[in-house]
Amino acid sequence: MRPGRGSGHPLREGTSHARRYPAPVPPITPADLAKAAAGAARLLGRLLGGAR
């Protein structure tokens, strides 16, 4: 069982399989919510504007 050879153990594999064990997602901040809302509103407006 060599490290980094796909043994499936996150502590033993180190960073070779970081994609399989992603870091915990940081909490969503109000700024993130505002950014997402603005992006969604812009996208929705473009869709509605193009549909008319």
PDB file of N, CA and C in Angstrom:
ATOM      1  N   MET A   1       0.850  -1.199   0.000  1.00  0.00           N
ATOM      2  CA  MET A   1       0.000   0.000   0.000  1.00  0.00           C
ATOM      3  C   MET A   1       0.879   1.241   0.000  1.00  0.00           C
ATOM      4  N   ARG A   2       1.217   1.681  -1.203  1.00  0.00           N
ATOM      5  CA  ARG A   2       2.061   2.879  -1.304  1.00  0.00           C
ATOM      6  C   ARG A   2       1.188   4.118  -1.307  1.00  0.00           C
ATOM      7  N   PRO A   3       1.681   5.224  -0.742  1.00  0.00           N
ATOM      8  CA  PRO A   3       0.881   6.458  -0.762  1.00  0.00           C
ATOM      9  C   PRO A   3       0.702   6.963  -2.188  1.00  0.00           C
ATOM     10  N   GLY A   4      -0.487   7.445  -2.494  1.00  0.00           N
ATOM     11  CA  GLY A   4      -0.721   8.036  -3.800  1.00  0.00           C
ATOM     12  C   GLY A   4      -1.048   7.036  -4.880  1.00  0.00           C
ATOM     13  N   ARG A   5      -1.281   5.760  -4.504  1.00  0.00           N
ATOM     14  CA  ARG A   5      -1.582   4.765  -5.526  1.00  0.00           C
ATOM     15  C   ARG A   5      -3.060   4.377  -5.538  1.00  0.00           C
ATOM     16  N   GLY A   6      -3.932   5.217  -4.985  1.00  0.00           N
ATOM     17  CA  GLY A   6      -5.354   4.936  -5.051  1.00  0.00           C
ATOM     18  C   GLY A   6      -5.830   3.966  -3.991  1.00  0.00           C
ATOM     19  N   SER A   7      -5.216   3.990  -2.799  1.00  0.00           N
ATOM     20  CA  SER A   7      -5.634   3.073  -1.742  1.00  0.00           C
ATOM     21  C   SER A   7      -6.986   3.488  -1.166  1.00  0.00           C
ATOM     22  N   GLY A   8      -7.407   4.733  -1.414  1.00  0.00           N
ATOM     23  CA  GLY A   8      -8.706   5.183  -0.963  1.00  0.00           C
ATOM     24  C   GLY A   8      -8.694   5.821   0.405  1.00  0.00           C
ATOM     25  N   HIS A   9      -7.542   5.877   1.046  1.00  0.00           N
ATOM     26  CA  HIS A   9      -7.471   6.474   2.382  1.00  0.00           C
ATOM     27  C   HIS A   9      -6.971   7.904   2.271  1.00  0.00           C
ATOM     28  N   PRO A  10      -7.796   8.897   2.660  1.00  0.00           N
ATOM     29  CA  PRO A  10      -7.428  10.304   2.427  1.00  0.00           C
ATOM     30  C   PRO A  10      -6.169  10.720   3.167  1.00  0.00           C
ATOM     31  N   LEU A  11      -5.960  10.190   4.381  1.00  0.00           N
ATOM     32  CA  LEU A  11      -4.793  10.623   5.149  1.00  0.00           C
ATOM     33  C   LEU A  11      -3.531  10.003   4.573  1.00  0.00           C
ATOM     34  N   ARG A  12      -3.636   8.776   4.061  1.00  0.00           N
ATOM     35  CA  ARG A  12      -2.445   8.110   3.585  1.00  0.00           C
ATOM     36  C   ARG A  12      -2.056   8.566   2.185  1.00  0.00           C
ATOM     37  N   GLU A  13      -3.036   9.069   1.439  1.00  0.00           N
ATOM     38  CA  GLU A  13      -2.756   9.416   0.050  1.00  0.00           C
ATOM     39  C   GLU A  13      -2.137  10.794  -0.095  1.00  0.00           C
ATOM     40  N   GLY A  14      -2.219  11.608   0.935  1.00  0.00           N
ATOM     41  CA  GLY A  14      -1.653  12.941   0.819  1.00  0.00           C
ATOM     42  C   GLY A  14      -2.469  13.778  -0.147  1.00  0.00           C
ATOM     43  N   THR A  15      -1.797  14.461  -1.069  1.00  0.00           N
ATOM     44  CA  THR A  15      -2.497  15.380  -1.967  1.00  0.00           C
ATOM     45  C   THR A  15      -2.644  14.800  -3.370  1.00  0.00           C
ATOM     46  N   SER A  16      -2.278  13.522  -3.556  1.00  0.00           N
ATOM     47  CA  SER A  16      -2.318  12.979  -4.910  1.00  0.00           C
ATOM     48  C   SER A  16      -3.747  12.810  -5.395  1.00  0.00           C
ATOM     49  N   HIS A  17      -4.691  12.635  -4.456  1.00  0.00           N
ATOM     50  CA  HIS A  17      -6.087  12.478  -4.847  1.00  0.00           C
ATOM     51  C   HIS A  17      -6.924  13.559  -4.183  1.00  0.00           C
ATOM     52  N   ALA A  18      -6.460  14.793  -4.294  1.00  0.00           N
ATOM     53  CA  ALA A  18      -7.164  15.898  -3.639  1.00  0.00           C
ATOM     54  C   ALA A  18      -8.541  16.091  -4.264  1.00  0.00           C
ATOM     55  N   ARG A  19      -8.692  15.702  -5.544  1.00  0.00           N
ATOM     56  CA  ARG A  19      -9.989  15.892  -6.184  1.00  0.00           C
ATOM     57  C   ARG A  19     -11.038  14.992  -5.564  1.00  0.00           C
ATOM     58  N   ARG A  20     -10.609  13.801  -5.120  1.00  0.00           N
ATOM     59  CA  ARG A  20     -11.575  12.880  -4.546  1.00  0.00           C
ATOM     60  C   ARG A  20     -11.970  13.311  -3.134  1.00  0.00           C
ATOM     61  N   TYR A  21     -11.097  14.047  -2.472  1.00  0.00           N
ATOM     62  CA  TYR A  21     -11.378  14.512  -1.112  1.00  0.00           C
ATOM     63  C   TYR A  21     -11.287  16.031  -1.089  1.00  0.00           C
ATOM     64  N   PRO A  22     -12.318  16.728  -1.596  1.00  0.00           N
ATOM     65  CA  PRO A  22     -12.246  18.189  -1.661  1.00  0.00           C
ATOM     66  C   PRO A  22     -12.278  18.814  -0.279  1.00  0.00           C
ATOM     67  N   ALA A  23     -11.725  20.007  -0.176  1.00  0.00           N
ATOM     68  CA  ALA A  23     -11.760  20.728   1.094  1.00  0.00           C
ATOM     69  C   ALA A  23     -13.200  21.103   1.402  1.00  0.00           C
ATOM     70  N   PRO A  24     -13.532  21.215   2.676  1.00  0.00           N
ATOM     71  CA  PRO A  24     -14.897  21.608   3.024  1.00  0.00           C
ATOM     72  C   PRO A  24     -15.265  22.956   2.414  1.00  0.00           C
ATOM     73  N   VAL A  25     -16.493  23.081   1.958  1.00  0.00           N
ATOM     74  CA  VAL A  25     -16.934  24.306   1.297  1.00  0.00           C
ATOM     75  C   VAL A  25     -17.053  25.419   2.332  1.00  0.00           C
ATOM     76  N   PRO A  26     -16.463  26.580   2.081  1.00  0.00           N
ATOM     77  CA  PRO A  26     -16.582  27.694   3.025  1.00  0.00           C
ATOM     78  C   PRO A  26     -18.025  28.176   3.097  1.00  0.00           C
ATOM     79  N   PRO A  27     -18.444  28.706   4.232  1.00  0.00           N
ATOM     80  CA  PRO A  27     -19.819  29.186   4.358  1.00  0.00           C
ATOM     81  C   PRO A  27     -20.110  30.316   3.372  1.00  0.00           C
ATOM     82  N   ILE A  28     -21.344  30.366   2.893  1.00  0.00           N
ATOM     83  CA  ILE A  28     -21.731  31.388   1.915  1.00  0.00           C
ATOM     84  C   ILE A  28     -21.909  32.726   2.630  1.00  0.00           C
ATOM     85  N   THR A  29     -21.263  33.741   2.113  1.00  0.00           N
ATOM     86  CA  THR A  29     -21.356  35.069   2.718  1.00  0.00           C
ATOM     87  C   THR A  29     -22.440  35.878   2.010  1.00  0.00           C
ATOM     88  N   PRO A  30     -22.959  36.922   2.652  1.00  0.00           N
ATOM     89  CA  PRO A  30     -23.955  37.782   2.000  1.00  0.00           C
ATOM     90  C   PRO A  30     -23.459  38.340   0.669  1.00  0.00           C
ATOM     91  N   ALA A  31     -22.163  38.605   0.575  1.00  0.00           N
ATOM     92  CA  ALA A  31     -21.617  39.117  -0.684  1.00  0.00           C
ATOM     93  C   ALA A  31     -21.787  38.071  -1.789  1.00  0.00           C
ATOM     94  N   ASP A  32     -21.541  36.803  -1.442  1.00  0.00           N
ATOM     95  CA  ASP A  32     -21.721  35.743  -2.432  1.00  0.00           C
ATOM     96  C   ASP A  32     -23.175  35.662  -2.869  1.00  0.00           C
ATOM     97  N   LEU A  33     -24.087  35.782  -1.892  1.00  0.00           N
ATOM     98  CA  LEU A  33     -25.517  35.731  -2.228  1.00  0.00           C
ATOM     99  C   LEU A  33     -25.889  36.883  -3.153  1.00  0.00           C
ATOM    100  N   ALA A  34     -25.374  38.076  -2.850  1.00  0.00           N
ATOM    101  CA  ALA A  34     -25.699  39.246  -3.673  1.00  0.00           C
ATOM    102  C   ALA A  34     -25.158  39.056  -5.091  1.00  0.00           C
ATOM    103  N   LYS A  35     -23.919  38.517  -5.176  1.00  0.00           N
ATOM    104  CA  LYS A  35     -23.316  38.306  -6.488  1.00  0.00           C
ATOM    105  C   LYS A  35     -24.136  37.294  -7.291  1.00  0.00           C
ATOM    106  N   ALA A  36     -24.532  36.216  -6.618  1.00  0.00           N
ATOM    107  CA  ALA A  36     -25.305  35.182  -7.303  1.00  0.00           C
ATOM    108  C   ALA A  36     -26.662  35.727  -7.733  1.00  0.00           C
ATOM    109  N   ALA A  37     -27.288  36.522  -6.856  1.00  0.00           N
ATOM    110  CA  ALA A  37     -28.601  37.086  -7.191  1.00  0.00           C
ATOM    111  C   ALA A  37     -28.481  38.042  -8.377  1.00  0.00           C
ATOM    112  N   ALA A  38     -27.431  38.856  -8.382  1.00  0.00           N
ATOM    113  CA  ALA A  38     -27.243  39.799  -9.484  1.00  0.00           C
ATOM    114  C   ALA A  38     -27.019  39.040 -10.792  1.00  0.00           C
ATOM    115  N   GLY A  39     -26.204  37.997 -10.737  1.00  0.00           N
ATOM    116  CA  GLY A  39     -25.944  37.215 -11.939  1.00  0.00           C
ATOM    117  C   GLY A  39     -27.213  36.547 -12.450  1.00  0.00           C
ATOM    118  N   ALA A  40     -28.010  35.990 -11.518  1.00  0.00           N
ATOM    119  CA  ALA A  40     -29.247  35.323 -11.923  1.00  0.00           C
ATOM    120  C   ALA A  40     -30.224  36.333 -12.517  1.00  0.00           C
ATOM    121  N   ALA A  41     -30.310  37.517 -11.896  1.00  0.00           N
ATOM    122  CA  ALA A  41     -31.235  38.536 -12.397  1.00  0.00           C
ATOM    123  C   ALA A  41     -30.818  38.986 -13.797  1.00  0.00           C
ATOM    124  N   ARG A  42     -29.495  39.150 -14.014  1.00  0.00           N
ATOM    125  CA  ARG A  42     -29.027  39.587 -15.323  1.00  0.00           C
ATOM    126  C   ARG A  42     -29.335  38.519 -16.372  1.00  0.00           C
ATOM    127  N   LEU A  43     -29.074  37.259 -15.995  1.00  0.00           N
ATOM    128  CA  LEU A  43     -29.330  36.173 -16.936  1.00  0.00           C
ATOM    129  C   LEU A  43     -30.821  36.076 -17.242  1.00  0.00           C
ATOM    130  N   LEU A  44     -31.648  36.191 -16.195  1.00  0.00           N
ATOM    131  CA  LEU A  44     -33.099  36.114 -16.392  1.00  0.00           C
ATOM    132  C   LEU A  44     -33.580  37.271 -17.269  1.00  0.00           C
ATOM    133  N   GLY A  45     -33.051  38.460 -17.020  1.00  0.00           N
ATOM    134  CA  GLY A  45     -33.445  39.613 -17.822  1.00  0.00           C
ATOM    135  C   GLY A  45     -33.062  39.435 -19.282  1.00  0.00           C
ATOM    136  N   ARG A  46     -31.877  38.860 -19.530  1.00  0.00           N
ATOM    137  CA  ARG A  46     -31.460  38.650 -20.911  1.00  0.00           C
ATOM    138  C   ARG A  46     -32.369  37.619 -21.581  1.00  0.00           C
ATOM    139  N   LEU A  47     -32.734  36.568 -20.830  1.00  0.00           N
ATOM    140  CA  LEU A  47     -33.612  35.547 -21.407  1.00  0.00           C
ATOM    141  C   LEU A  47     -34.984  36.137 -21.711  1.00  0.00           C
ATOM    142  N   LEU A  48     -35.525  36.901 -20.762  1.00  0.00           N
ATOM    143  CA  LEU A  48     -36.855  37.487 -20.971  1.00  0.00           C
ATOM    144  C   LEU A  48     -36.810  38.525 -22.092  1.00  0.00           C
ATOM    145  N   GLY A  49     -35.718  39.304 -22.128  1.00  0.00           N
ATOM    146  CA  GLY A  49     -35.613  40.325 -23.165  1.00  0.00           C
ATOM    147  C   GLY A  49     -35.490  39.699 -24.545  1.00  0.00           C
ATOM    148  N   GLY A  50     -34.791  38.565 -24.638  1.00  0.00           N
ATOM    149  CA  GLY A  50     -34.621  37.932 -25.936  1.00  0.00           C
ATOM    150  C   GLY A  50     -35.862  37.163 -26.365  1.00  0.00           C
ATOM    151  N   ALA A  51     -36.718  36.808 -25.379  1.00  0.00           N
ATOM    152  CA  ALA A  51     -37.912  36.022 -25.721  1.00  0.00           C
ATOM    153  C   ALA A  51     -38.990  36.907 -26.326  1.00  0.00           C
ATOM    154  N   ARG A  52     -38.957  38.187 -25.979  1.00  0.00           N
ATOM    155  CA  ARG A  52     -40.005  39.070 -26.502  1.00  0.00           C
ATOM    156  C   ARG A  52     -39.771  39.390 -27.983  1.00  0.00           C
TER     157      ARG A  52
END
